[in-house]
Protein backbone atom coordinates (compact mmCIF):
# COMPACT_ATOMS: atom_id res chain seq x y z
CA MET A 1 17.29 4.64 -15.16
CA LYS A 2 16.34 4.65 -11.35
CA LYS A 3 12.83 3.61 -11.89
CA ILE A 4 14.06 0.61 -13.93
CA ILE A 5 16.63 -0.23 -11.39
CA ALA A 6 13.69 0.07 -8.70
CA PHE A 7 11.43 -2.01 -10.64
CA SER A 8 14.15 -4.80 -10.98
CA LEU A 9 14.78 -4.93 -7.28
CA ALA A 10 11.21 -5.00 -6.63
CA LEU A 11 10.95 -8.08 -8.65
CA LEU A 12 13.80 -9.50 -7.07
CA SER A 13 12.14 -9.18 -3.79
CA GLY A 14 8.79 -10.34 -4.52
CA SER A 15 6.01 -9.66 -7.04
CA VAL A 16 4.91 -6.19 -8.19
CA LEU A 17 1.26 -5.82 -7.88
CA ALA A 18 -1.13 -3.67 -10.04
CA SER A 19 -5.07 -3.76 -9.68
CA SER A 20 -6.62 -4.48 -12.88
CA ASN A 21 -7.21 -0.99 -14.17
CA THR A 22 -4.43 1.06 -12.52
CA ASN A 23 -0.75 1.45 -13.47
CA TRP A 24 1.48 1.57 -10.70
CA VAL A 25 5.09 2.79 -10.24
CA VAL A 26 7.58 1.22 -7.97
CA SER A 27 10.48 3.04 -6.43
CA PHE A 28 13.28 2.32 -3.97
CA ARG A 29 15.43 4.39 -1.69
CA ASP A 30 17.01 4.58 1.74
CA TYR A 31 15.15 6.45 4.33
CA GLU A 32 16.22 6.86 7.76
CA GLY A 33 18.86 4.11 7.19
CA TYR A 34 16.48 1.62 5.99
CA PRO A 35 15.60 0.77 2.58
CA LEU A 36 12.03 1.94 1.54
CA PHE A 37 10.02 0.44 -1.40
CA THR A 38 7.02 2.27 -2.47
CA ARG A 39 4.27 1.34 -4.96
CA HIS A 40 1.64 3.76 -5.84
CA PRO A 41 -0.68 4.36 -8.80
CA THR A 42 0.18 6.77 -11.69
CA ASP A 43 -1.84 9.87 -12.63
CA LEU A 44 -4.41 9.58 -9.87
CA ASN A 45 -6.63 12.74 -9.79
CA PHE A 46 -6.28 13.81 -6.10
CA ASP A 47 -8.81 16.64 -6.26
CA LYS A 48 -11.50 14.48 -8.21
CA LEU A 49 -11.02 11.37 -5.91
CA GLN A 50 -10.85 13.23 -2.63
CA LYS A 51 -14.74 14.19 -3.31
CA LEU A 52 -15.56 10.56 -3.73
CA TYR A 53 -13.39 8.91 -0.94
CA PRO A 54 -12.96 11.02 2.18
CA ILE A 55 -12.05 8.45 4.60
CA ARG A 56 -8.38 7.15 4.96
CA ILE A 57 -7.55 3.55 5.91
CA ILE A 58 -3.95 2.50 6.59
CA VAL A 59 -3.82 -1.31 6.88
CA ASP A 60 -0.26 -2.31 8.76
CA LEU A 61 0.91 -5.65 8.18
CA THR A 62 3.80 -6.96 10.41
CA LEU A 63 6.16 -9.01 8.32
CA ALA A 64 6.88 -12.01 9.99
CA LYS A 65 10.00 -12.82 8.06
CA VAL A 66 12.34 -10.23 7.36
CA LYS A 67 16.05 -9.86 6.53
CA ASP A 68 18.33 -7.60 8.64
CA ASN A 69 17.44 -4.51 6.35
CA GLY A 70 13.70 -4.77 7.44
CA LEU A 71 12.68 -6.15 4.00
CA PRO A 72 10.58 -9.38 3.72
CA GLU A 73 12.50 -12.37 2.80
CA ASN A 74 11.85 -13.30 -0.87
CA ASP A 75 10.05 -16.64 -0.24
CA TYR A 76 7.65 -14.98 2.38
CA ASN A 77 7.00 -12.02 0.20
CA LYS A 78 5.87 -14.15 -2.48
CA ALA A 79 3.62 -16.05 0.32
CA ILE A 80 1.77 -12.79 1.18
CA GLU A 81 0.97 -11.99 -2.46
CA GLU A 82 -2.69 -12.91 -1.91
CA LEU A 83 -2.84 -10.72 1.06
CA ASP A 84 -1.30 -7.97 -0.74
CA ASN A 85 -3.72 -8.13 -3.70
CA PHE A 86 -6.63 -8.31 -1.40
CA VAL A 87 -5.97 -5.12 0.47
CA VAL A 88 -4.87 -3.32 -2.84
CA GLU A 89 -7.76 -4.28 -4.59
CA TYR A 90 -10.64 -4.81 -2.21
CA PHE A 91 -12.40 -1.34 -2.15
CA GLU A 92 -11.59 -0.59 -5.88
CA ASN A 93 -13.15 -3.73 -7.05
CA GLN A 94 -16.39 -2.63 -5.28
CA SER A 95 -16.12 0.93 -6.56
CA GLU A 96 -15.86 2.25 -3.07
CA GLY A 97 -12.32 3.35 -2.81
CA GLN A 98 -8.75 3.53 -4.04
CA CYS A 99 -5.64 2.19 -2.81
CA VAL A 100 -3.13 5.12 -3.42
CA LEU A 101 0.42 3.81 -1.83
CA VAL A 102 1.92 0.40 -0.56
CA GLU A 103 5.01 1.07 1.44
CA THR A 104 7.40 -1.59 2.62
CA TYR A 105 9.87 -0.12 5.21
CA ALA A 106 11.39 -1.58 8.64
CA GLY A 107 9.50 -4.75 8.98
CA LYS A 108 6.08 -3.43 7.94
CA ARG A 109 3.90 -3.13 4.84
CA HIS A 110 1.57 -0.12 5.10
CA PHE A 111 -1.47 0.02 2.61
CA TYR A 112 -2.94 3.31 2.13
CA SER A 113 -6.24 3.76 0.85
CA TYR A 114 -9.19 6.21 0.72
CA VAL A 115 -12.91 5.00 0.67
CA SER A 116 -16.35 6.43 0.42
CA ASN A 117 -18.52 7.06 3.29
CA SER A 118 -20.57 4.29 2.18
CA ALA A 119 -17.84 1.68 2.34
CA ASN A 120 -18.27 -1.17 4.67
CA ILE A 121 -15.06 -0.94 6.59
CA GLU A 122 -16.10 -3.39 9.26
CA ALA A 123 -17.01 -5.95 6.67
CA PHE A 124 -13.41 -5.34 5.20
CA LYS A 125 -11.82 -5.82 8.50
CA ARG A 126 -13.66 -9.09 9.14
CA GLU A 127 -13.10 -10.63 6.06
CA ILE A 128 -9.29 -9.82 6.05
CA ASN A 129 -9.03 -11.16 9.63
CA LYS A 130 -10.73 -14.24 8.38
CA LYS A 131 -8.92 -15.00 5.16
CA PHE A 132 -5.73 -14.26 6.90
CA PRO A 133 -5.88 -14.91 10.41
CA LYS A 134 -2.02 -15.90 10.84
CA HIS A 135 -1.17 -12.45 10.04
CA GLU A 136 -0.63 -9.48 12.38
CA ILE A 137 -2.71 -6.91 11.03
CA GLU A 138 -4.01 -3.10 12.42
CA PHE A 139 -5.92 -0.67 10.91
CA ASP A 140 -5.93 3.11 11.33
CA ILE A 141 -9.13 4.82 10.03
CA LYS A 142 -9.60 8.48 9.93
CA PRO A 143 -11.52 11.34 8.05
CA ASP A 144 -9.02 12.84 5.60
CA LYS A 145 -11.43 14.58 3.14
CA ASN A 146 -8.45 16.71 1.77
CA TRP A 147 -6.18 13.74 1.26
CA SER A 148 -3.78 15.80 3.47
CA LEU A 149 -1.61 12.48 4.37
CA ILE A 150 -1.11 11.32 0.76
CA ARG A 151 -0.42 14.54 -0.56
CA LYS A 152 2.19 15.58 2.17
CA TYR A 153 3.92 11.93 1.59
CA THR A 154 3.84 12.60 -2.31
CA LYS A 155 5.58 15.75 -1.83
CA GLU A 156 7.90 15.00 1.19
CA ILE A 157 8.95 11.28 0.15
CA LEU A 158 7.89 10.21 -3.43
CA SER A 159 9.03 13.62 -5.03
CA ASN A 160 12.32 13.53 -3.36
CA GLY A 161 13.44 9.85 -4.68
């Protein structure tokens, strides 16, 4: 029942995205006094994928129009759908990576992806900044060959919902 409620809430606040070949689960919970929406693919084999994609990229989008609770305004959330799709699908469409989590919390949307050593990260950054110049976007890129961050997040946040 909680997943159905979370899915309905996500639909009310904007679209639920899923890349072409991946099933996603949406959840909602309170975290440190703020609503936290998460979307993540189901049934990812972390052990297999970590061998292919050892570099972690976090794309942080500052939401320009938010409600008092830190979630995006409904119209704004719909307006950033193209950007959202772009980030979620970019590396997967090129068989160079996988988005593993999208988190919306406290006026930000964080996209967590893992990519291959051969992925052209600089081209991705140039393209996103060119396509979406009016948005405040930051990047955090680090090696994470064991996928420690998403494993810890899954254990501590996603499993406790």
